[in-house]
Amino acid sequence: MSLKEIARLLAEKDNFFLATHVNPDGDGIGSLLALTLALKAQGKIVWPYLSDQIPDFLDWLPGKELIRYELPEGGNWTAIVLDCGAASRLGDKAGPWVQGLSQVIVLDHHEVSGTLGTTRYVEITFATAAIVFKLLGQMGISLTKEIATNLYVAIFSDTGGFRYQQTTAETFSMAQKLIESGVNPSEVAQRLTENFPLSRFCLLKKALSRLELKASGKVAISYLSSDDYLSCEAGKADSDDFATMFRTIRGVEVSALIKEYKPGEVTVSLRSRGHVNVAELAAHFGGGGHRFAAGFRTKGDISEIQQQLTRKLEALFS
């Protein structure tokens, strides 16, 4: 189904449940809030849902006060799932609930996207926000400063501040239109890259102290335990981008950060320079993502998971 057809479908519906993946990032939240504000501008009833708390560094986004952390009771809802194509990535509560709806629209930009949705629009591009941007055009939505800011933050986040390989001329063209709609690019950059709590650096110190290079320096891997997050008084978002940071080490092709937010509950972030498709590696463990950035969640002993992942990574270069 084309975006034009999806826009027509949205025009026919009144009640929308919007969701993105667990451990939501800038693209997921920015896309969700931008579409929420657009639908509300059309007089629709919108329930924007997150399974996890919005990270502190995104807690200033326009419309963030609209976010709900509980599922609706009753109602004839049309679900729109953003930046995610698998029910398992929506969380233990939202995943089964969404699967029980008769109309589920998926808007996603991941290579490994899953099979969720009665209507799916998957375009391999630099951000889900790019898809939302084009959808809003088909819906006849005028870009307000609030909508534009959410989309710009989403694009900035998923392109690493316009540094990653998927950044294209279209990325900058879209960013220009968003800036012309009122976005302050300097303010966004400062909020996203120059506004970290001390707890982040406490975690970084621990992760760096355990950093190991494998496969003749082609693999960088480290971990953070639940005790680390507790002792640093840190949240999930405080370790964002550590895996990306480790990828910048000269000679490293793939980096990994294993994060145990709670005892026995592990999230792994994978990053690649592009020669290795880490989305395929993540899929092996039930996750997904892009060629350059992917991840997965699992349960078990963090040291055993580290050993399994290390063997898989070393095998890629053997």
C-alpha atoms as a PDB file:
ATOM      1  CA  MET A   1       0.000   0.000   0.000  1.00  0.00           C
ATOM      2  CA  SER A   2       1.323   3.450  -0.911  1.00  0.00           C
ATOM      3  CA  LEU A   3       1.552   6.394   1.472  1.00  0.00           C
ATOM      4  CA  LYS A   4      -1.221   8.079  -0.500  1.00  0.00           C
ATOM      5  CA  GLU A   5      -3.472   5.087   0.148  1.00  0.00           C
ATOM      6  CA  ILE A   6      -2.480   5.030   3.829  1.00  0.00           C
ATOM      7  CA  ALA A   7      -3.358   8.735   4.088  1.00  0.00           C
ATOM      8  CA  ARG A   8      -6.813   7.951   2.680  1.00  0.00           C
ATOM      9  CA  LEU A   9      -7.178   5.112   5.188  1.00  0.00           C
ATOM     10  CA  LEU A  10      -6.290   7.425   8.075  1.00  0.00           C
ATOM     11  CA  ALA A  11      -8.862   9.950   6.892  1.00  0.00           C
ATOM     12  CA  GLU A  12     -11.555   7.278   7.252  1.00  0.00           C
ATOM     13  CA  LYS A  13     -10.652   6.413  10.861  1.00  0.00           C
ATOM     14  CA  ASP A  14     -11.176   8.374  14.080  1.00  0.00           C
ATOM     15  CA  ASN A  15      -9.358   6.623  16.948  1.00  0.00           C
ATOM     16  CA  PHE A  16      -5.625   5.929  16.734  1.00  0.00           C
ATOM     17  CA  PHE A  17      -3.272   4.033  19.022  1.00  0.00           C
ATOM     18  CA  LEU A  18       0.353   4.916  18.233  1.00  0.00           C
ATOM     19  CA  ALA A  19       3.335   2.936  19.506  1.00  0.00           C
ATOM     20  CA  THR A  20       7.028   2.405  18.923  1.00  0.00           C
ATOM     21  CA  HIS A  21       9.588  -0.130  20.110  1.00  0.00           C
ATOM     22  CA  VAL A  22      10.823  -0.805  23.640  1.00  0.00           C
ATOM     23  CA  ASN A  23      13.776   1.296  24.809  1.00  0.00           C
ATOM     24  CA  PRO A  24      12.514   4.034  22.474  1.00  0.00           C
ATOM     25  CA  ASP A  25      15.021   6.239  20.674  1.00  0.00           C
ATOM     26  CA  GLY A  26      14.861   9.630  19.025  1.00  0.00           C
ATOM     27  CA  ASP A  27      13.463   8.320  15.756  1.00  0.00           C
ATOM     28  CA  GLY A  28      10.760   6.237  17.405  1.00  0.00           C
ATOM     29  CA  ILE A  29       9.608   8.946  19.812  1.00  0.00           C
ATOM     30  CA  GLY A  30      10.018  11.841  17.383  1.00  0.00           C
ATOM     31  CA  SER A  31       8.032  10.021  14.704  1.00  0.00           C
ATOM     32  CA  LEU A  32       5.346   9.048  17.207  1.00  0.00           C
ATOM     33  CA  LEU A  33       4.913  12.592  18.524  1.00  0.00           C
ATOM     34  CA  ALA A  34       4.982  14.198  15.079  1.00  0.00           C
ATOM     35  CA  LEU A  35       2.216  11.915  13.824  1.00  0.00           C
ATOM     36  CA  THR A  36       0.285  12.338  17.080  1.00  0.00           C
ATOM     37  CA  LEU A  37       0.262  16.132  16.703  1.00  0.00           C
ATOM     38  CA  ALA A  38      -0.695  15.859  13.030  1.00  0.00           C
ATOM     39  CA  LEU A  39      -3.625  13.529  13.689  1.00  0.00           C
ATOM     40  CA  LYS A  40      -4.852  15.664  16.584  1.00  0.00           C
ATOM     41  CA  ALA A  41      -4.732  18.695  14.286  1.00  0.00           C
ATOM     42  CA  GLN A  42      -7.222  16.831  12.102  1.00  0.00           C
ATOM     43  CA  GLY A  43      -9.546  16.316  15.050  1.00  0.00           C
ATOM     44  CA  LYS A  44      -8.662  12.663  15.616  1.00  0.00           C
ATOM     45  CA  ILE A  45      -8.517  10.889  18.982  1.00  0.00           C
ATOM     46  CA  VAL A  46      -4.927   9.740  19.528  1.00  0.00           C
ATOM     47  CA  TRP A  47      -3.376   7.512  22.193  1.00  0.00           C
ATOM     48  CA  PRO A  48       0.446   7.772  21.873  1.00  0.00           C
ATOM     49  CA  TYR A  49       1.913   4.902  23.909  1.00  0.00           C
ATOM     50  CA  LEU A  50       5.388   4.079  25.198  1.00  0.00           C
ATOM     51  CA  SER A  51       6.289   0.866  27.013  1.00  0.00           C
ATOM     52  CA  ASP A  52       9.270   2.582  28.679  1.00  0.00           C
ATOM     53  CA  GLN A  53       9.686   6.058  30.112  1.00  0.00           C
ATOM     54  CA  ILE A  54      10.795   8.722  27.668  1.00  0.00           C
ATOM     55  CA  PRO A  55      14.577   9.217  28.090  1.00  0.00           C
ATOM     56  CA  ASP A  56      15.643  12.374  29.925  1.00  0.00           C
ATOM     57  CA  PHE A  57      17.424  13.775  26.877  1.00  0.00           C
ATOM     58  CA  LEU A  58      14.152  13.662  24.908  1.00  0.00           C
ATOM     59  CA  ASP A  59      11.884  14.815  27.724  1.00  0.00           C
ATOM     60  CA  TRP A  60      11.614  18.295  26.207  1.00  0.00           C
ATOM     61  CA  LEU A  61      10.036  17.288  22.889  1.00  0.00           C
ATOM     62  CA  PRO A  62       6.837  19.133  21.897  1.00  0.00           C
ATOM     63  CA  GLY A  63       3.800  17.030  22.755  1.00  0.00           C
ATOM     64  CA  LYS A  64       5.623  14.748  25.198  1.00  0.00           C
ATOM     65  CA  GLU A  65       2.926  15.466  27.812  1.00  0.00           C
ATOM     66  CA  LEU A  66       0.485  13.545  25.585  1.00  0.00           C
ATOM     67  CA  ILE A  67       2.382  10.259  25.955  1.00  0.00           C
ATOM     68  CA  ARG A  68       0.565   7.463  27.794  1.00  0.00           C
ATOM     69  CA  TYR A  69       2.214   4.563  29.585  1.00  0.00           C
ATOM     70  CA  GLU A  70      -0.909   2.443  29.976  1.00  0.00           C
ATOM     71  CA  LEU A  71      -3.040   0.702  27.362  1.00  0.00           C
ATOM     72  CA  PRO A  72      -6.544   1.993  26.577  1.00  0.00           C
ATOM     73  CA  GLU A  73      -9.583   0.114  27.798  1.00  0.00           C
ATOM     74  CA  GLY A  74     -12.095  -0.678  25.090  1.00  0.00           C
ATOM     75  CA  GLY A  75     -12.645   1.439  22.009  1.00  0.00           C
ATOM     76  CA  ASN A  76     -12.330   0.803  18.294  1.00  0.00           C
ATOM     77  CA  TRP A  77      -8.654   1.589  17.765  1.00  0.00           C
ATOM     78  CA  THR A  78      -6.553   1.652  14.624  1.00  0.00           C
ATOM     79  CA  ALA A  79      -2.937   1.006  15.577  1.00  0.00           C
ATOM     80  CA  ILE A  80      -0.001   2.736  13.917  1.00  0.00           C
ATOM     81  CA  VAL A  81       3.326   1.131  14.812  1.00  0.00           C
ATOM     82  CA  LEU A  82       6.367   3.283  14.103  1.00  0.00           C
ATOM     83  CA  ASP A  83      10.025   2.326  13.670  1.00  0.00           C
ATOM     84  CA  CYS A  84       9.211  -1.296  14.459  1.00  0.00           C
ATOM     85  CA  GLY A  85       7.737  -4.242  12.585  1.00  0.00           C
ATOM     86  CA  ALA A  86       7.526  -7.010  15.188  1.00  0.00           C
ATOM     87  CA  ALA A  87       5.012  -7.381  18.018  1.00  0.00           C
ATOM     88  CA  SER A  88       7.732  -8.672  20.341  1.00  0.00           C
ATOM     89  CA  ARG A  89       9.502  -5.304  20.072  1.00  0.00           C
ATOM     90  CA  LEU A  90       6.465  -3.447  21.442  1.00  0.00           C
ATOM     91  CA  GLY A  91       6.791  -4.916  24.926  1.00  0.00           C
ATOM     92  CA  ASP A  92       5.098  -7.702  26.841  1.00  0.00           C
ATOM     93  CA  LYS A  93       1.808  -5.810  27.217  1.00  0.00           C
ATOM     94  CA  ALA A  94       1.459  -3.778  24.033  1.00  0.00           C
ATOM     95  CA  GLY A  95       2.614  -6.515  21.643  1.00  0.00           C
ATOM     96  CA  PRO A  96      -0.244  -8.972  22.295  1.00  0.00           C
ATOM     97  CA  TRP A  97      -2.738  -6.105  22.621  1.00  0.00           C
ATOM     98  CA  VAL A  98      -1.861  -4.675  19.207  1.00  0.00           C
ATOM     99  CA  GLN A  99      -1.989  -8.121  17.616  1.00  0.00           C
ATOM    100  CA  GLY A 100      -5.587  -8.370  18.785  1.00  0.00           C
ATOM    101  CA  LEU A 101      -6.661  -5.304  16.786  1.00  0.00           C
ATOM    102  CA  SER A 102      -8.284  -5.646  13.374  1.00  0.00           C
ATOM    103  CA  GLN A 103      -6.351  -2.754  11.784  1.00  0.00           C
ATOM    104  CA  VAL A 104      -2.595  -2.361  12.376  1.00  0.00           C
ATOM    105  CA  ILE A 105      -0.518  -0.043  10.191  1.00  0.00           C
ATOM    106  CA  VAL A 106       3.268  -0.445  10.309  1.00  0.00           C
ATOM    107  CA  LEU A 107       5.591   2.363   9.201  1.00  0.00           C
ATOM    108  CA  ASP A 108       9.207   1.222   9.372  1.00  0.00           C
ATOM    109  CA  HIS A 109      12.613   1.722   7.764  1.00  0.00           C
ATOM    110  CA  HIS A 110      14.496  -1.361   8.977  1.00  0.00           C
ATOM    111  CA  GLU A 111      15.914  -4.054   6.709  1.00  0.00           C
ATOM    112  CA  VAL A 112      14.816  -6.734   9.185  1.00  0.00           C
ATOM    113  CA  SER A 113      11.332  -5.522  10.003  1.00  0.00           C
ATOM    114  CA  GLY A 114       9.192  -8.479  11.092  1.00  0.00           C
ATOM    115  CA  THR A 115       5.693  -9.413   9.960  1.00  0.00           C
ATOM    116  CA  LEU A 116       3.409  -7.338  12.187  1.00  0.00           C
ATOM    117  CA  GLY A 117       0.594  -5.391  10.568  1.00  0.00           C
ATOM    118  CA  THR A 118      -2.465  -5.686   8.357  1.00  0.00           C
ATOM    119  CA  THR A 119      -1.022  -2.764   6.372  1.00  0.00           C
ATOM    120  CA  ARG A 120       2.740  -2.401   6.063  1.00  0.00           C
ATOM    121  CA  TYR A 121       4.864   0.358   4.575  1.00  0.00           C
ATOM    122  CA  VAL A 122       8.563  -0.458   4.877  1.00  0.00           C
ATOM    123  CA  GLU A 123      11.078   1.749   3.099  1.00  0.00           C
ATOM    124  CA  ILE A 124      14.810   1.288   3.656  1.00  0.00           C
ATOM    125  CA  THR A 125      15.752   4.885   4.341  1.00  0.00           C
ATOM    126  CA  PHE A 126      17.605   7.021   6.871  1.00  0.00           C
ATOM    127  CA  ALA A 127      14.804   7.284   9.453  1.00  0.00           C
ATOM    128  CA  THR A 128      11.187   6.363  10.038  1.00  0.00           C
ATOM    129  CA  ALA A 129      10.661  10.111  10.394  1.00  0.00           C
ATOM    130  CA  ALA A 130      11.378  10.406   6.667  1.00  0.00           C
ATOM    131  CA  ILE A 131       8.383   8.154   6.012  1.00  0.00           C
ATOM    132  CA  VAL A 132       6.224  10.167   8.416  1.00  0.00           C
ATOM    133  CA  PHE A 133       7.350  13.401   6.733  1.00  0.00           C
ATOM    134  CA  LYS A 134       6.135  12.124   3.355  1.00  0.00           C
ATOM    135  CA  LEU A 135       2.941  10.720   4.859  1.00  0.00           C
ATOM    136  CA  LEU A 136       2.094  14.111   6.378  1.00  0.00           C
ATOM    137  CA  GLY A 137       2.447  15.605   2.923  1.00  0.00           C
ATOM    138  CA  GLN A 138      -0.083  13.106   1.581  1.00  0.00           C
ATOM    139  CA  MET A 139      -2.377  13.950   4.515  1.00  0.00           C
ATOM    140  CA  GLY A 140      -2.257  17.660   3.675  1.00  0.00           C
ATOM    141  CA  ILE A 141      -0.684  18.550   7.025  1.00  0.00           C
ATOM    142  CA  SER A 142       1.075  21.900   7.354  1.00  0.00           C
ATOM    143  CA  LEU A 143       4.347  21.604   9.246  1.00  0.00           C
ATOM    144  CA  THR A 144       4.138  23.469  12.542  1.00  0.00           C
ATOM    145  CA  LYS A 145       7.280  24.198  14.544  1.00  0.00           C
ATOM    146  CA  GLU A 146       6.244  21.471  17.008  1.00  0.00           C
ATOM    147  CA  ILE A 147       5.768  18.781  14.356  1.00  0.00           C
ATOM    148  CA  ALA A 148       8.926  19.836  12.531  1.00  0.00           C
ATOM    149  CA  THR A 149      11.015  19.740  15.715  1.00  0.00           C
ATOM    150  CA  ASN A 150       9.973  16.165  16.444  1.00  0.00           C
ATOM    151  CA  LEU A 151      10.807  15.081  12.902  1.00  0.00           C
ATOM    152  CA  TYR A 152      14.154  16.890  12.932  1.00  0.00           C
ATOM    153  CA  VAL A 153      15.143  15.300  16.254  1.00  0.00           C
ATOM    154  CA  ALA A 154      14.178  11.895  14.863  1.00  0.00           C
ATOM    155  CA  ILE A 155      16.294  12.368  11.741  1.00  0.00           C
ATOM    156  CA  PHE A 156      19.225  13.863  13.669  1.00  0.00           C
ATOM    157  CA  SER A 157      19.147  10.898  16.056  1.00  0.00           C
ATOM    158  CA  ASP A 158      19.027   8.105  13.493  1.00  0.00           C
ATOM    159  CA  THR A 159      21.672   9.642  11.235  1.00  0.00           C
ATOM    160  CA  GLY A 160      24.066  10.329  14.109  1.00  0.00           C
ATOM    161  CA  GLY A 161      23.839  14.054  13.546  1.00  0.00           C
ATOM    162  CA  PHE A 162      23.947  13.579   9.745  1.00  0.00           C
ATOM    163  CA  ARG A 163      27.161  11.503   9.990  1.00  0.00           C
ATOM    164  CA  TYR A 164      26.057   7.931   9.276  1.00  0.00           C
ATOM    165  CA  GLN A 165      26.293   6.160   5.934  1.00  0.00           C
ATOM    166  CA  GLN A 166      22.552   6.320   5.228  1.00  0.00           C
ATOM    167  CA  THR A 167      22.641  10.140   5.197  1.00  0.00           C
ATOM    168  CA  THR A 168      21.770  11.364   1.685  1.00  0.00           C
ATOM    169  CA  ALA A 169      20.954  14.539  -0.209  1.00  0.00           C
ATOM    170  CA  GLU A 170      17.300  13.818   0.593  1.00  0.00           C
ATOM    171  CA  THR A 171      18.195  13.894   4.300  1.00  0.00           C
ATOM    172  CA  PHE A 172      19.522  17.436   4.045  1.00  0.00           C
ATOM    173  CA  SER A 173      16.668  18.533   1.786  1.00  0.00           C
ATOM    174  CA  MET A 174      14.177  17.304   4.358  1.00  0.00           C
ATOM    175  CA  ALA A 175      16.144  18.919   7.191  1.00  0.00           C
ATOM    176  CA  GLN A 176      16.106  22.226   5.306  1.00  0.00           C
ATOM    177  CA  LYS A 177      12.308  22.153   5.053  1.00  0.00           C
ATOM    178  CA  LEU A 178      12.035  21.368   8.762  1.00  0.00           C
ATOM    179  CA  ILE A 179      14.359  24.246   9.666  1.00  0.00           C
ATOM    180  CA  GLU A 180      12.295  26.537   7.451  1.00  0.00           C
ATOM    181  CA  SER A 181       9.286  25.417   9.512  1.00  0.00           C
ATOM    182  CA  GLY A 182      10.845  26.767  12.698  1.00  0.00           C
ATOM    183  CA  VAL A 183      13.358  24.203  13.969  1.00  0.00           C
ATOM    184  CA  ASN A 184      16.412  25.614  15.740  1.00  0.00           C
ATOM    185  CA  PRO A 185      19.217  23.216  14.657  1.00  0.00           C
ATOM    186  CA  SER A 186      21.738  24.590  17.142  1.00  0.00           C
ATOM    187  CA  GLU A 187      19.362  24.086  20.061  1.00  0.00           C
ATOM    188  CA  VAL A 188      18.564  20.532  18.968  1.00  0.00           C
ATOM    189  CA  ALA A 189      22.245  19.638  18.601  1.00  0.00           C
ATOM    190  CA  GLN A 190      23.052  21.033  22.044  1.00  0.00           C
ATOM    191  CA  ARG A 191      20.153  19.226  23.704  1.00  0.00           C
ATOM    192  CA  LEU A 192      21.078  15.897  22.103  1.00  0.00           C
ATOM    193  CA  THR A 193      24.875  15.979  22.217  1.00  0.00           C
ATOM    194  CA  GLU A 194      25.981  18.471  24.896  1.00  0.00           C
ATOM    195  CA  ASN A 195      23.632  17.880  27.801  1.00  0.00           C
ATOM    196  CA  PHE A 196      24.654  14.639  29.530  1.00  0.00           C
ATOM    197  CA  PRO A 197      24.285  13.800  33.248  1.00  0.00           C
ATOM    198  CA  LEU A 198      27.318  12.769  35.297  1.00  0.00           C
ATOM    199  CA  SER A 199      25.826   9.270  35.575  1.00  0.00           C
ATOM    200  CA  ARG A 200      26.558   8.749  31.874  1.00  0.00           C
ATOM    201  CA  PHE A 201      30.270   9.300  32.416  1.00  0.00           C
ATOM    202  CA  CYS A 202      30.240   7.007  35.432  1.00  0.00           C
ATOM    203  CA  LEU A 203      28.892   4.238  33.186  1.00  0.00           C
ATOM    204  CA  LEU A 204      31.316   5.096  30.401  1.00  0.00           C
ATOM    205  CA  LYS A 205      34.258   4.724  32.786  1.00  0.00           C
ATOM    206  CA  LYS A 206      33.075   1.222  33.716  1.00  0.00           C
ATOM    207  CA  ALA A 207      32.416   0.198  30.106  1.00  0.00           C
ATOM    208  CA  LEU A 208      35.835   1.443  28.974  1.00  0.00           C
ATOM    209  CA  SER A 209      37.573  -0.416  31.796  1.00  0.00           C
ATOM    210  CA  ARG A 210      36.137  -3.697  30.434  1.00  0.00           C
ATOM    211  CA  LEU A 211      36.515  -2.970  26.740  1.00  0.00           C
ATOM    212  CA  GLU A 212      38.123  -5.855  24.859  1.00  0.00           C
ATOM    213  CA  LEU A 213      39.361  -6.045  21.284  1.00  0.00           C
ATOM    214  CA  LYS A 214      38.889  -9.379  19.528  1.00  0.00           C
ATOM    215  CA  ALA A 215      39.516 -10.801  16.046  1.00  0.00           C
ATOM    216  CA  SER A 216      42.819  -8.970  15.614  1.00  0.00           C
ATOM    217  CA  GLY A 217      41.253  -5.675  16.624  1.00  0.00           C
ATOM    218  CA  LYS A 218      38.233  -5.898  14.326  1.00  0.00           C
ATOM    219  CA  VAL A 219      35.750  -6.442  17.174  1.00  0.00           C
ATOM    220  CA  ALA A 220      35.262  -4.219  20.235  1.00  0.00           C
ATOM    221  CA  ILE A 221      33.042  -5.545  23.012  1.00  0.00           C
ATOM    222  CA  SER A 222      32.181  -4.469  26.542  1.00  0.00           C
ATOM    223  CA  TYR A 223      29.395  -4.842  29.080  1.00  0.00           C
ATOM    224  CA  LEU A 224      27.520  -3.065  31.861  1.00  0.00           C
ATOM    225  CA  SER A 225      25.851  -4.977  34.687  1.00  0.00           C
ATOM    226  CA  SER A 226      22.729  -4.093  36.629  1.00  0.00           C
ATOM    227  CA  ASP A 227      25.012  -3.250  39.564  1.00  0.00           C
ATOM    228  CA  ASP A 228      26.753  -0.671  37.367  1.00  0.00           C
ATOM    229  CA  TYR A 229      23.496   1.123  36.576  1.00  0.00           C
ATOM    230  CA  LEU A 230      22.597   1.019  40.268  1.00  0.00           C
ATOM    231  CA  SER A 231      25.931   2.300  41.578  1.00  0.00           C
ATOM    232  CA  CYS A 232      26.047   5.076  38.968  1.00  0.00           C
ATOM    233  CA  GLU A 233      22.399   5.973  39.647  1.00  0.00           C
ATOM    234  CA  ALA A 234      21.973   5.735  35.877  1.00  0.00           C
ATOM    235  CA  GLY A 235      19.103   5.002  33.525  1.00  0.00           C
ATOM    236  CA  LYS A 236      18.914   3.110  30.256  1.00  0.00           C
ATOM    237  CA  ALA A 237      19.502   6.191  28.141  1.00  0.00           C
ATOM    238  CA  ASP A 238      22.759   6.997  29.933  1.00  0.00           C
ATOM    239  CA  SER A 239      24.582   4.271  27.990  1.00  0.00           C
ATOM    240  CA  ASP A 240      23.147   5.243  24.610  1.00  0.00           C
ATOM    241  CA  ASP A 241      25.745   5.494  21.856  1.00  0.00           C
ATOM    242  CA  PHE A 242      28.532   3.721  23.767  1.00  0.00           C
ATOM    243  CA  ALA A 243      28.564   1.008  21.091  1.00  0.00           C
ATOM    244  CA  THR A 244      28.761   3.718  18.427  1.00  0.00           C
ATOM    245  CA  MET A 245      31.652   5.290  20.304  1.00  0.00           C
ATOM    246  CA  PHE A 246      33.543   1.979  20.407  1.00  0.00           C
ATOM    247  CA  ARG A 247      33.081   1.611  16.646  1.00  0.00           C
ATOM    248  CA  THR A 248      35.208   4.731  16.169  1.00  0.00           C
ATOM    249  CA  ILE A 249      38.327   2.903  17.409  1.00  0.00           C
ATOM    250  CA  ARG A 250      40.779   2.597  14.538  1.00  0.00           C
ATOM    251  CA  GLY A 251      40.607  -0.850  12.955  1.00  0.00           C
ATOM    252  CA  VAL A 252      37.315  -1.855  14.568  1.00  0.00           C
ATOM    253  CA  GLU A 253      34.692  -3.153  12.130  1.00  0.00           C
ATOM    254  CA  VAL A 254      32.020  -4.243  14.628  1.00  0.00           C
ATOM    255  CA  SER A 255      31.335  -3.084  18.180  1.00  0.00           C
ATOM    256  CA  ALA A 256      29.000  -4.451  20.818  1.00  0.00           C
ATOM    257  CA  LEU A 257      27.780  -3.292  24.205  1.00  0.00           C
ATOM    258  CA  ILE A 258      25.969  -5.751  26.460  1.00  0.00           C
ATOM    259  CA  LYS A 259      23.657  -3.984  28.920  1.00  0.00           C
ATOM    260  CA  GLU A 260      21.974  -5.658  31.873  1.00  0.00           C
ATOM    261  CA  TYR A 261      19.387  -3.122  32.993  1.00  0.00           C
ATOM    262  CA  LYS A 262      17.891  -5.590  35.476  1.00  0.00           C
ATOM    263  CA  PRO A 263      19.387  -8.873  36.748  1.00  0.00           C
ATOM    264  CA  GLY A 264      18.997 -11.463  33.999  1.00  0.00           C
ATOM    265  CA  GLU A 265      17.449  -9.037  31.483  1.00  0.00           C
ATOM    266  CA  VAL A 266      19.971  -8.145  28.797  1.00  0.00           C
ATOM    267  CA  THR A 267      19.928  -5.751  25.846  1.00  0.00           C
ATOM    268  CA  VAL A 268      22.734  -5.820  23.277  1.00  0.00           C
ATOM    269  CA  SER A 269      23.630  -2.939  20.949  1.00  0.00           C
ATOM    270  CA  LEU A 270      25.578  -3.771  17.783  1.00  0.00           C
ATOM    271  CA  ARG A 271      27.317  -1.336  15.453  1.00  0.00           C
ATOM    272  CA  SER A 272      29.166  -1.887  12.178  1.00  0.00           C
ATOM    273  CA  ARG A 273      31.165   0.151   9.706  1.00  0.00           C
ATOM    274  CA  GLY A 274      29.191  -1.618   6.968  1.00  0.00           C
ATOM    275  CA  HIS A 275      31.257  -4.601   5.879  1.00  0.00           C
ATOM    276  CA  VAL A 276      29.321  -6.753   8.361  1.00  0.00           C
ATOM    277  CA  ASN A 277      25.525  -6.635   8.402  1.00  0.00           C
ATOM    278  CA  VAL A 278      24.792  -6.559  12.126  1.00  0.00           C
ATOM    279  CA  ALA A 279      21.036  -6.716  11.452  1.00  0.00           C
ATOM    280  CA  GLU A 280      21.550 -10.317  10.355  1.00  0.00           C
ATOM    281  CA  LEU A 281      23.545 -11.043  13.495  1.00  0.00           C
ATOM    282  CA  ALA A 282      20.849  -9.468  15.669  1.00  0.00           C
ATOM    283  CA  ALA A 283      18.180 -11.501  13.878  1.00  0.00           C
ATOM    284  CA  HIS A 284      20.016 -14.674  14.938  1.00  0.00           C
ATOM    285  CA  PHE A 285      19.265 -13.667  18.533  1.00  0.00           C
ATOM    286  CA  GLY A 286      15.682 -12.582  17.790  1.00  0.00           C
ATOM    287  CA  GLY A 287      16.409  -8.897  17.249  1.00  0.00           C
ATOM    288  CA  GLY A 288      16.740  -6.616  14.248  1.00  0.00           C
ATOM    289  CA  GLY A 289      17.811  -3.253  12.935  1.00  0.00           C
ATOM    290  CA  HIS A 290      20.004  -2.004  10.106  1.00  0.00           C
ATOM    291  CA  ARG A 291      23.228  -3.084   8.448  1.00  0.00           C
ATOM    292  CA  PHE A 292      25.103  -0.457  10.480  1.00  0.00           C
ATOM    293  CA  ALA A 293      23.131  -0.505  13.747  1.00  0.00           C
ATOM    294  CA  ALA A 294      21.089  -3.284  15.306  1.00  0.00           C
ATOM    295  CA  GLY A 295      20.295  -4.929  18.606  1.00  0.00           C
ATOM    296  CA  PHE A 296      18.445  -7.604  20.485  1.00  0.00           C
ATOM    297  CA  ARG A 297      17.050  -8.445  23.914  1.00  0.00           C
ATOM    298  CA  THR A 298      17.485 -11.711  25.749  1.00  0.00           C
ATOM    299  CA  LYS A 299      17.464 -13.228  29.224  1.00  0.00           C
ATOM    300  CA  GLY A 300      20.225 -15.083  31.007  1.00  0.00           C
ATOM    301  CA  ASP A 301      23.606 -14.743  32.625  1.00  0.00           C
ATOM    302  CA  ILE A 302      25.464 -11.735  31.257  1.00  0.00           C
ATOM    303  CA  SER A 303      28.833 -13.526  31.161  1.00  0.00           C
ATOM    304  CA  GLU A 304      27.386 -16.448  29.188  1.00  0.00           C
ATOM    305  CA  ILE A 305      25.720 -14.066  26.743  1.00  0.00           C
ATOM    306  CA  GLN A 306      29.016 -12.235  26.327  1.00  0.00           C
ATOM    307  CA  GLN A 307      30.799 -15.507  25.550  1.00  0.00           C
ATOM    308  CA  GLN A 308      28.158 -16.535  22.982  1.00  0.00           C
ATOM    309  CA  LEU A 309      28.227 -13.148  21.297  1.00  0.00           C
ATOM    310  CA  THR A 310      32.026 -13.020  21.270  1.00  0.00           C
ATOM    311  CA  ARG A 311      32.181 -16.399  19.533  1.00  0.00           C
ATOM    312  CA  LYS A 312      29.684 -15.230  16.911  1.00  0.00           C
ATOM    313  CA  LEU A 313      31.588 -12.013  16.306  1.00  0.00           C
ATOM    314  CA  GLU A 314      34.973 -13.726  16.066  1.00  0.00           C
ATOM    315  CA  ALA A 315      33.526 -16.246  13.608  1.00  0.00           C
ATOM    316  CA  LEU A 316      32.638 -13.388  11.264  1.00  0.00           C
ATOM    317  CA  PHE A 317      36.344 -12.684  10.775  1.00  0.00           C
ATOM    318  CA  SER A 318      37.805 -16.193  10.959  1.00  0.00           C
END
